[in-house]
Amino acid sequence: MPLTYIQDFCGAITRTTEDQALVLDAVAARDPEDATQGLEGAGWEGRRPTDWSSYLKADALEGKTIGYYTSEFTSPWGDEGTVNAMKEEFKYFEQAGATVKLMAEDPPEPNKASFNITGDTGFEGWLKWIQNHPNSPYKSPPEITLSQLRIPQLRSASTTYTGAGAMSDASIQGFVNYRQAYQRMLAEWMAKEGVDAVVFAGELSTIHLNDSNENSFARETSAGKRLDPQASNAGVPTAIFPAGTNPVGSPDNLQLEGPPFSDPELLGMAYAFELRANGHRETRFAPALSYVPDSVTPPQIVVTPAPPSTTEAPKPTEPATNTEKVVPAARLVGGLTWHKGKLEATIACSGTTGSCHVILQVGGTRKKPAMQIPVTVAAGKQETVTVKPTKALRKQIAHAKGGIPVRLVSPAGAAKKVKVASK
């Protein structure tokens, strides 16, 4: 990713931690064409999870210690309403079995000047992108960074580049060394403080703080100390998840930061928090976008048939066996059961090969189910899915006389009303 070389990487924003785990299963892999992974990400080899969903456990916070420090829960504007609202969310860590503690010391930071880093990391990031995309219309980074076609928030008043320019190989290695030293210092700091992760607030004020324009939005204290997590500068992992609203009703979030390579554990902690907090909130200040299935015309695909075969198939030397494969198909086994505050549904997959990939839709309406749970079941097997119902779904269950609608989508099927039985 251009922007800041080595420091900035793309990530996925998903609605739930379960979705995030599925995305990471697909994208968290070694990319031989990404030079930055060889520079800084080599430590991941042999540590990268093969199944991120296996870390999503309800007891992932049990026995953990979550730390926070005073300066990063202090609004630069002096309004403490949002800070207090975010601290109120700490109770869900404790409900999940964790201890929340105030840390004695602020995080350390290495002396960047001692690493002999010269050049402009932002310039270097775009330079590498241009070199890797020879057909792009740009020949130099300032054509992009100083373009007057950028949105006003990020548009430069000057069209003359005055930065330090490209980085040497030695300077790039110095930047890598600085970030790795930063990671070690943060890991030692957390160990000294006796915490498994450090929590940060997504927003510290009802006045939006946006680090894309730091001078205007004050992501620093009056003394110049950054209020952001150290994740971007140091390269340590974080997990960001919904955590209620601020005093004016805007959705907010919390962010957990951990030592190097603790990414899957942080995702598990976020999942355990999410189960108890139900922190996702729809904004009251912007309408939801409507989905129109036929709003985009799919491209026409023309398939040219293969020419006829000119050779004969080899004759079998042994009696042929029946190798016919049965296409897998999913079905709901019985109905839903209610057990210890959770819904359980069993899905079976018929067939002899492959898997059934379906979405279990529970409650609500056909157009807007109350819950949607992706499920994968191997052919010839069955899986029992356990989910904690949303508040709206619990209300629907309580008032439903003829049962609630349950659907398996893909393969599609008509809604089947089933009564919720209690174990």
Protein backbone atom coordinates (compact mmCIF):
# COMPACT_ATOMS: atom_id res chain seq x y z
CA MET A 1 0.00 0.00 0.00
CA PRO A 2 1.52 3.41 -0.95
CA LEU A 3 1.04 6.23 1.61
CA THR A 4 3.78 5.52 4.21
CA TYR A 5 6.25 2.87 3.07
CA ILE A 6 6.29 -0.30 5.26
CA GLN A 7 4.02 1.38 7.83
CA ASP A 8 0.61 1.42 6.09
CA PHE A 9 -1.19 -1.80 5.14
CA CYS A 10 -4.69 -2.53 3.90
CA GLY A 11 -7.13 -4.24 6.23
CA ALA A 12 -10.73 -5.39 6.12
CA ILE A 13 -13.64 -3.73 7.92
CA THR A 14 -16.34 -6.27 8.74
CA ARG A 15 -19.62 -6.19 10.64
CA THR A 16 -18.62 -8.86 13.19
CA THR A 17 -15.51 -10.59 14.51
CA GLU A 18 -16.77 -13.83 12.93
CA ASP A 19 -16.72 -12.17 9.52
CA GLN A 20 -13.26 -10.76 10.24
CA ALA A 21 -11.93 -14.25 10.98
CA LEU A 22 -13.29 -15.57 7.67
CA VAL A 23 -11.70 -12.68 5.76
CA LEU A 24 -8.35 -13.25 7.49
CA ASP A 25 -8.49 -16.95 6.57
CA ALA A 26 -8.57 -15.82 2.94
CA VAL A 27 -6.16 -12.85 2.88
CA ALA A 28 -3.64 -13.33 5.71
CA ALA A 29 -1.00 -15.12 3.67
CA ARG A 30 2.55 -14.64 2.47
CA ASP A 31 2.67 -12.56 -0.71
CA PRO A 32 5.93 -13.17 -2.57
CA GLU A 33 5.37 -10.00 -4.60
CA ASP A 34 5.17 -7.79 -1.51
CA ALA A 35 8.72 -6.72 -0.65
CA THR A 36 7.65 -5.18 2.66
CA GLN A 37 6.67 -8.60 4.03
CA GLY A 38 10.23 -9.78 3.54
CA LEU A 39 11.59 -6.65 5.24
CA GLU A 40 9.40 -6.65 8.33
CA GLY A 41 6.91 -9.50 8.25
CA ALA A 42 9.30 -12.45 8.18
CA GLY A 43 8.60 -13.16 11.84
CA TRP A 44 5.08 -14.25 10.92
CA GLU A 45 6.29 -17.34 9.08
CA GLY A 46 5.28 -20.39 11.12
CA ARG A 47 3.03 -18.30 13.40
CA ARG A 48 0.20 -17.36 11.06
CA PRO A 49 -3.04 -19.15 12.07
CA THR A 50 -4.58 -21.58 9.61
CA ASP A 51 -8.03 -21.12 11.18
CA TRP A 52 -8.68 -17.69 12.69
CA SER A 53 -12.17 -18.72 13.77
CA SER A 54 -10.66 -21.21 16.24
CA TYR A 55 -9.61 -18.22 18.39
CA LEU A 56 -13.20 -16.95 18.71
CA LYS A 57 -14.05 -18.33 22.14
CA ALA A 58 -16.49 -16.97 24.69
CA ASP A 59 -13.85 -17.34 27.43
CA ALA A 60 -11.04 -15.60 25.50
CA LEU A 61 -10.94 -12.82 28.13
CA GLU A 62 -11.07 -15.15 31.12
CA GLY A 63 -8.09 -14.43 33.40
CA LYS A 64 -6.71 -11.69 31.14
CA THR A 65 -5.57 -8.25 32.34
CA ILE A 66 -6.49 -5.24 30.20
CA GLY A 67 -4.54 -2.06 30.89
CA TYR A 68 -5.11 1.61 30.14
CA TYR A 69 -3.18 4.77 31.01
CA THR A 70 -4.43 8.20 31.93
CA SER A 71 -3.10 10.37 29.09
CA GLU A 72 -4.69 8.29 26.33
CA PHE A 73 -8.10 8.61 27.99
CA THR A 74 -7.91 12.40 28.22
CA SER A 75 -9.72 14.60 25.68
CA PRO A 76 -7.54 17.40 24.22
CA TRP A 77 -10.63 19.62 24.24
CA GLY A 78 -11.36 19.18 27.95
CA ASP A 79 -14.76 17.49 27.43
CA GLU A 80 -14.78 14.18 29.24
CA GLY A 81 -18.22 12.87 28.27
CA THR A 82 -16.99 10.56 25.51
CA VAL A 83 -14.02 9.38 27.60
CA ASN A 84 -16.34 8.47 30.48
CA ALA A 85 -18.75 6.68 28.12
CA MET A 86 -15.87 4.57 26.80
CA LYS A 87 -14.64 3.77 30.32
CA GLU A 88 -18.18 2.66 31.17
CA GLU A 89 -17.76 -0.05 28.51
CA PHE A 90 -14.89 -1.57 30.55
CA LYS A 91 -17.52 -3.45 32.56
CA TYR A 92 -17.93 -5.89 29.67
CA PHE A 93 -14.26 -6.88 29.92
CA GLU A 94 -14.86 -7.65 33.58
CA GLN A 95 -18.09 -9.54 32.87
CA ALA A 96 -16.08 -11.72 30.49
CA GLY A 97 -13.62 -12.58 33.26
CA ALA A 98 -10.87 -10.00 32.67
CA THR A 99 -9.32 -7.49 35.08
CA VAL A 100 -9.02 -3.85 33.99
CA LYS A 101 -6.16 -1.90 35.58
CA LEU A 102 -4.72 1.61 35.39
CA MET A 103 -1.12 1.38 34.24
CA ALA A 104 1.60 3.18 36.18
CA GLU A 105 3.66 4.36 33.19
CA ASP A 106 2.97 5.70 29.71
CA PRO A 107 4.39 3.67 26.80
CA PRO A 108 8.08 4.09 25.94
CA GLU A 109 9.35 5.11 22.51
CA PRO A 110 12.81 4.63 20.97
CA ASN A 111 14.89 7.62 19.88
CA LYS A 112 14.13 7.71 16.16
CA ALA A 113 17.08 10.01 15.39
CA SER A 114 19.54 7.29 16.41
CA PHE A 115 18.42 5.03 13.54
CA ASN A 116 19.74 7.35 10.79
CA ILE A 117 16.48 7.41 8.85
CA THR A 118 16.69 9.84 5.94
CA GLY A 119 14.30 10.48 3.10
CA ASP A 120 10.52 10.67 3.01
CA THR A 121 8.57 7.48 3.80
CA GLY A 122 5.48 8.88 2.10
CA PHE A 123 7.49 9.72 -1.03
CA GLU A 124 9.10 6.24 -0.96
CA GLY A 125 5.73 4.50 -0.68
CA TRP A 126 4.34 6.18 -3.79
CA LEU A 127 7.66 5.81 -5.63
CA LYS A 128 7.59 2.04 -5.12
CA TRP A 129 3.98 1.97 -6.34
CA ILE A 130 4.85 3.92 -9.50
CA GLN A 131 7.83 1.64 -10.18
CA ASN A 132 5.59 -1.42 -9.83
CA HIS A 133 2.92 0.09 -12.10
CA PRO A 134 4.77 1.32 -15.21
CA ASN A 135 1.50 1.86 -17.09
CA SER A 136 0.19 4.38 -14.56
CA PRO A 137 -0.09 8.01 -15.76
CA TYR A 138 2.21 9.21 -12.95
CA LYS A 139 5.99 9.59 -13.16
CA SER A 140 6.76 11.00 -9.71
CA PRO A 141 5.10 10.90 -6.25
CA PRO A 142 4.37 14.68 -6.05
CA GLU A 143 2.06 14.32 -9.06
CA ILE A 144 -0.15 12.32 -6.68
CA THR A 145 0.54 13.81 -3.25
CA LEU A 146 0.27 17.44 -4.42
CA SER A 147 -2.52 16.89 -6.95
CA GLN A 148 -5.25 19.50 -6.82
CA LEU A 149 -7.73 16.77 -7.73
CA ARG A 150 -7.55 15.34 -4.19
CA ILE A 151 -10.49 15.92 -1.84
CA PRO A 152 -10.31 19.32 -0.07
CA GLN A 153 -9.52 17.76 3.32
CA LEU A 154 -6.27 16.28 1.96
CA ARG A 155 -5.45 18.80 -0.77
CA SER A 156 -2.14 20.62 -0.43
CA ALA A 157 -2.07 24.41 -0.76
CA SER A 158 1.32 24.10 -2.46
CA THR A 159 2.14 22.35 -5.73
CA THR A 160 5.91 22.41 -5.13
CA TYR A 161 7.48 19.41 -3.38
CA THR A 162 10.02 20.39 -0.70
CA GLY A 163 10.46 17.06 1.12
CA ALA A 164 13.49 14.82 1.51
CA GLY A 165 12.65 12.55 -1.43
CA ALA A 166 13.51 8.89 -1.90
CA MET A 167 15.02 6.71 0.83
CA SER A 168 18.27 4.77 0.43
CA ASP A 169 18.40 1.03 1.13
CA ALA A 170 20.30 1.77 4.36
CA SER A 171 17.63 4.28 5.41
CA ILE A 172 14.83 1.78 4.72
CA GLN A 173 16.63 -0.80 6.87
CA GLY A 174 17.05 1.84 9.57
CA PHE A 175 13.29 2.46 9.49
CA VAL A 176 12.65 -1.30 9.84
CA ASN A 177 15.11 -1.49 12.76
CA TYR A 178 13.37 1.46 14.45
CA ARG A 179 9.94 -0.19 14.19
CA GLN A 180 11.22 -3.54 15.46
CA ALA A 181 12.92 -1.84 18.41
CA TYR A 182 9.63 -0.05 19.11
CA GLN A 183 7.80 -3.39 19.09
CA ARG A 184 10.24 -4.90 21.60
CA MET A 185 9.93 -1.89 23.90
CA LEU A 186 6.13 -2.08 23.87
CA ALA A 187 6.19 -5.83 24.57
CA GLU A 188 8.54 -5.26 27.52
CA TRP A 189 6.36 -2.38 28.77
CA MET A 190 3.22 -4.55 28.74
CA ALA A 191 5.04 -7.40 30.47
CA LYS A 192 6.40 -5.04 33.14
CA GLU A 193 2.91 -3.61 33.74
CA GLY A 194 1.46 -7.13 33.88
CA VAL A 195 -1.14 -6.65 31.11
CA ASP A 196 -2.10 -8.86 28.18
CA ALA A 197 -3.39 -5.95 26.09
CA VAL A 198 -3.90 -2.19 26.30
CA VAL A 199 -7.28 -0.59 25.51
CA PHE A 200 -7.75 2.71 23.66
CA ALA A 201 -10.89 4.74 22.87
CA GLY A 202 -11.88 5.13 19.22
CA GLU A 203 -12.90 8.73 19.84
CA LEU A 204 -11.96 10.89 22.81
CA SER A 205 -14.40 13.71 22.20
CA THR A 206 -17.72 14.58 20.58
CA ILE A 207 -15.52 16.84 18.41
CA HIS A 208 -14.18 14.46 15.78
CA LEU A 209 -10.45 13.78 16.00
CA ASN A 210 -9.03 12.66 12.68
CA ASP A 211 -5.33 11.92 12.30
CA SER A 212 -5.47 12.64 8.55
CA ASN A 213 -5.27 16.33 9.46
CA GLU A 214 -3.55 16.29 12.81
CA ASN A 215 -2.99 20.05 13.19
CA SER A 216 -6.69 20.82 12.77
CA PHE A 217 -8.10 17.94 14.79
CA ALA A 218 -5.62 17.87 17.70
CA ARG A 219 -4.63 14.21 17.98
CA GLU A 220 -1.92 15.45 20.35
CA THR A 221 -1.76 16.93 23.83
CA SER A 222 -0.59 20.51 24.30
CA ALA A 223 2.89 19.08 24.98
CA GLY A 224 2.95 17.33 21.58
CA LYS A 225 2.35 13.77 22.84
CA ARG A 226 0.38 11.59 20.43
CA LEU A 227 -2.94 10.27 21.77
CA ASP A 228 -3.23 7.49 19.19
CA PRO A 229 -2.33 3.84 19.76
CA GLN A 230 1.25 2.97 18.80
CA ALA A 231 0.08 0.32 16.32
CA SER A 232 0.81 2.22 13.11
CA ASN A 233 4.15 3.70 14.13
CA ALA A 234 5.48 0.54 15.77
CA GLY A 235 3.73 -2.21 13.81
CA VAL A 236 2.10 -3.98 16.75
CA PRO A 237 -1.34 -5.59 16.26
CA THR A 238 -4.71 -4.14 17.24
CA ALA A 239 -8.35 -5.20 17.15
CA ILE A 240 -11.05 -2.52 16.82
CA PHE A 241 -14.66 -3.28 17.75
CA PRO A 242 -17.97 -1.44 18.45
CA ALA A 243 -18.51 -0.17 21.99
CA GLY A 244 -21.78 1.74 22.32
CA THR A 245 -22.20 5.46 21.75
CA ASN A 246 -20.88 8.79 22.95
CA PRO A 247 -23.08 11.32 24.84
CA VAL A 248 -24.71 12.64 21.65
CA GLY A 249 -25.54 9.17 20.30
CA SER A 250 -22.72 8.71 17.76
CA PRO A 251 -21.39 5.13 17.57
CA ASP A 252 -17.95 4.68 19.14
CA ASN A 253 -15.44 1.87 19.49
CA LEU A 254 -12.64 0.51 21.61
CA GLN A 255 -9.29 -0.71 20.34
CA LEU A 256 -7.10 -3.39 21.92
CA GLU A 257 -3.35 -3.25 21.31
CA GLY A 258 -1.11 -6.22 22.05
CA PRO A 259 2.51 -7.32 21.78
CA PRO A 260 3.93 -8.48 18.43
CA PHE A 261 2.20 -11.45 16.80
CA SER A 262 -0.77 -11.46 19.23
CA ASP A 263 -3.24 -10.72 16.40
CA PRO A 264 -5.39 -13.89 16.79
CA GLU A 265 -5.56 -13.55 20.58
CA LEU A 266 -6.73 -9.93 20.24
CA LEU A 267 -9.44 -11.02 17.79
CA GLY A 268 -10.59 -13.60 20.35
CA MET A 269 -10.73 -10.96 23.10
CA ALA A 270 -12.78 -8.69 20.82
CA TYR A 271 -15.18 -11.59 20.16
CA ALA A 272 -15.63 -12.27 23.89
CA PHE A 273 -16.33 -8.57 24.47
CA GLU A 274 -18.77 -8.45 21.56
CA LEU A 275 -20.79 -11.38 22.94
CA ARG A 276 -21.54 -9.46 26.14
CA ALA A 277 -21.59 -5.82 25.09
CA ASN A 278 -23.70 -6.08 21.92
CA GLY A 279 -21.87 -2.83 21.21
CA HIS A 280 -22.89 -2.28 17.59
CA ARG A 281 -25.08 0.80 17.17
CA GLU A 282 -26.64 2.17 14.02
CA THR A 283 -26.01 5.88 13.57
CA ARG A 284 -28.99 8.20 14.07
CA PHE A 285 -27.46 10.89 11.87
CA ALA A 286 -27.34 9.21 8.47
CA PRO A 287 -29.88 6.92 6.77
CA ALA A 288 -28.97 3.35 5.97
CA LEU A 289 -28.03 2.71 2.34
CA SER A 290 -30.61 0.66 0.48
CA TYR A 291 -29.55 -2.43 -1.42
CA VAL A 292 -30.83 -2.82 -4.97
CA PRO A 293 -29.87 -6.26 -6.35
CA ASP A 294 -30.24 -5.28 -10.03
CA SER A 295 -28.60 -1.85 -9.73
CA VAL A 296 -25.44 -3.12 -11.48
CA THR A 297 -25.70 -4.85 -14.84
CA PRO A 298 -23.40 -7.89 -14.84
CA PRO A 299 -20.97 -8.10 -17.77
CA GLN A 300 -21.92 -10.40 -20.60
CA ILE A 301 -19.75 -13.49 -20.60
CA VAL A 302 -19.27 -15.32 -23.90
CA VAL A 303 -17.92 -18.84 -23.58
CA THR A 304 -16.36 -20.35 -26.69
CA PRO A 305 -17.02 -24.11 -26.78
CA ALA A 306 -13.98 -26.37 -26.90
CA PRO A 307 -13.25 -28.16 -30.18
CA PRO A 308 -14.34 -31.81 -30.40
CA SER A 309 -11.89 -34.43 -29.19
CA THR A 310 -9.80 -36.15 -31.90
CA THR A 311 -8.52 -38.98 -29.71
CA GLU A 312 -10.23 -42.01 -28.22
CA ALA A 313 -10.48 -42.44 -24.49
CA PRO A 314 -8.27 -45.29 -23.13
CA LYS A 315 -10.09 -48.53 -22.50
CA PRO A 316 -10.21 -49.62 -18.84
CA THR A 317 -8.16 -52.68 -17.94
CA GLU A 318 -10.22 -53.38 -14.82
CA PRO A 319 -13.95 -53.35 -14.20
CA ALA A 320 -15.10 -49.77 -13.76
CA THR A 321 -16.45 -48.80 -10.38
CA ASN A 322 -19.28 -46.40 -9.76
CA THR A 323 -17.64 -43.06 -8.94
CA GLU A 324 -20.74 -40.93 -9.34
CA LYS A 325 -20.58 -37.94 -7.01
CA VAL A 326 -23.67 -36.71 -5.24
CA VAL A 327 -23.96 -32.93 -5.12
CA PRO A 328 -24.07 -31.73 -1.49
CA ALA A 329 -27.31 -30.17 -0.23
CA ALA A 330 -28.01 -28.58 3.15
CA ARG A 331 -31.09 -29.01 5.33
CA LEU A 332 -32.18 -27.99 8.81
CA VAL A 333 -32.44 -30.92 11.21
CA GLY A 334 -35.46 -30.44 13.46
CA GLY A 335 -36.10 -26.97 14.81
CA LEU A 336 -34.37 -24.41 16.95
CA THR A 337 -33.71 -25.06 20.62
CA TRP A 338 -33.23 -22.52 23.39
CA HIS A 339 -30.46 -23.46 25.83
CA LYS A 340 -28.83 -21.23 28.46
CA GLY A 341 -29.81 -18.01 26.73
CA LYS A 342 -28.63 -19.13 23.28
CA LEU A 343 -30.23 -20.59 20.16
CA GLU A 344 -29.03 -23.89 18.74
CA ALA A 345 -29.67 -25.16 15.23
CA THR A 346 -28.37 -28.34 13.59
CA ILE A 347 -27.60 -28.29 9.86
CA ALA A 348 -26.91 -31.44 7.88
CA CYS A 349 -25.13 -31.67 4.51
CA SER A 350 -25.98 -34.57 2.25
CA GLY A 351 -23.72 -35.68 -0.58
CA THR A 352 -20.46 -37.56 -1.03
CA THR A 353 -17.97 -34.80 -1.76
CA GLY A 354 -17.41 -31.10 -1.11
CA SER A 355 -19.18 -28.95 1.44
CA CYS A 356 -22.41 -27.04 1.95
CA HIS A 357 -21.87 -23.30 2.27
CA VAL A 358 -25.08 -21.72 3.54
CA ILE A 359 -26.37 -18.75 5.50
CA LEU A 360 -28.74 -19.50 8.37
CA GLN A 361 -31.30 -16.70 8.56
CA VAL A 362 -33.26 -16.52 11.81
CA GLY A 363 -36.24 -14.32 12.61
CA GLY A 364 -37.14 -10.95 11.14
CA THR A 365 -38.49 -10.99 7.60
CA ARG A 366 -37.33 -12.39 4.28
CA LYS A 367 -35.92 -8.99 3.25
CA LYS A 368 -34.46 -8.21 6.65
CA PRO A 369 -33.63 -11.25 8.80
CA ALA A 370 -32.94 -10.60 12.48
CA MET A 371 -29.72 -12.64 12.33
CA GLN A 372 -27.64 -14.18 9.56
CA ILE A 373 -25.00 -16.79 10.38
CA PRO A 374 -22.65 -18.27 7.72
CA VAL A 375 -22.20 -22.03 8.14
CA THR A 376 -19.96 -24.52 6.34
CA VAL A 377 -20.69 -28.26 6.72
CA ALA A 378 -18.70 -31.04 5.08
CA ALA A 379 -20.66 -33.46 2.89
CA GLY A 380 -22.13 -36.33 4.89
CA LYS A 381 -21.77 -34.44 8.16
CA GLN A 382 -23.87 -32.20 10.35
CA GLU A 383 -22.97 -29.20 12.50
CA THR A 384 -24.73 -27.62 15.48
CA VAL A 385 -24.60 -23.82 15.44
CA THR A 386 -24.91 -21.90 18.71
CA VAL A 387 -25.62 -18.15 18.63
CA LYS A 388 -26.59 -15.50 21.13
CA PRO A 389 -29.80 -13.85 19.83
CA THR A 390 -30.02 -10.12 19.43
CA LYS A 391 -32.40 -8.09 21.54
CA ALA A 392 -34.81 -7.75 18.62
CA LEU A 393 -34.80 -11.50 18.01
CA ARG A 394 -35.41 -12.30 21.68
CA LYS A 395 -38.40 -9.98 21.57
CA GLN A 396 -39.74 -11.65 18.43
CA ILE A 397 -39.36 -15.10 20.02
CA ALA A 398 -41.20 -13.98 23.15
CA HIS A 399 -44.20 -12.69 21.18
CA ALA A 400 -44.32 -15.29 18.38
CA LYS A 401 -47.27 -17.65 18.68
CA GLY A 402 -46.80 -19.61 15.47
CA GLY A 403 -43.00 -19.76 15.55
CA ILE A 404 -40.33 -17.63 13.93
CA PRO A 405 -39.11 -17.87 10.31
CA VAL A 406 -35.90 -19.82 9.71
CA ARG A 407 -34.26 -20.07 6.30
CA LEU A 408 -31.22 -21.66 4.74
CA VAL A 409 -30.00 -19.47 1.90
CA SER A 410 -27.93 -20.90 -0.97
CA PRO A 411 -29.45 -23.23 -1.72
CA ALA A 412 -32.50 -20.99 -1.31
CA GLY A 413 -35.58 -22.30 0.40
CA ALA A 414 -38.96 -21.05 1.49
CA ALA A 415 -39.28 -19.82 5.04
CA LYS A 416 -40.13 -22.53 7.48
CA LYS A 417 -41.72 -21.47 10.77
CA VAL A 418 -40.52 -23.49 13.72
CA LYS A 419 -41.26 -23.18 17.40
CA VAL A 420 -38.36 -22.62 19.76
CA ALA A 421 -38.10 -25.58 22.09
CA SER A 422 -36.41 -25.41 25.48
CA LYS A 423 -33.92 -28.08 26.50
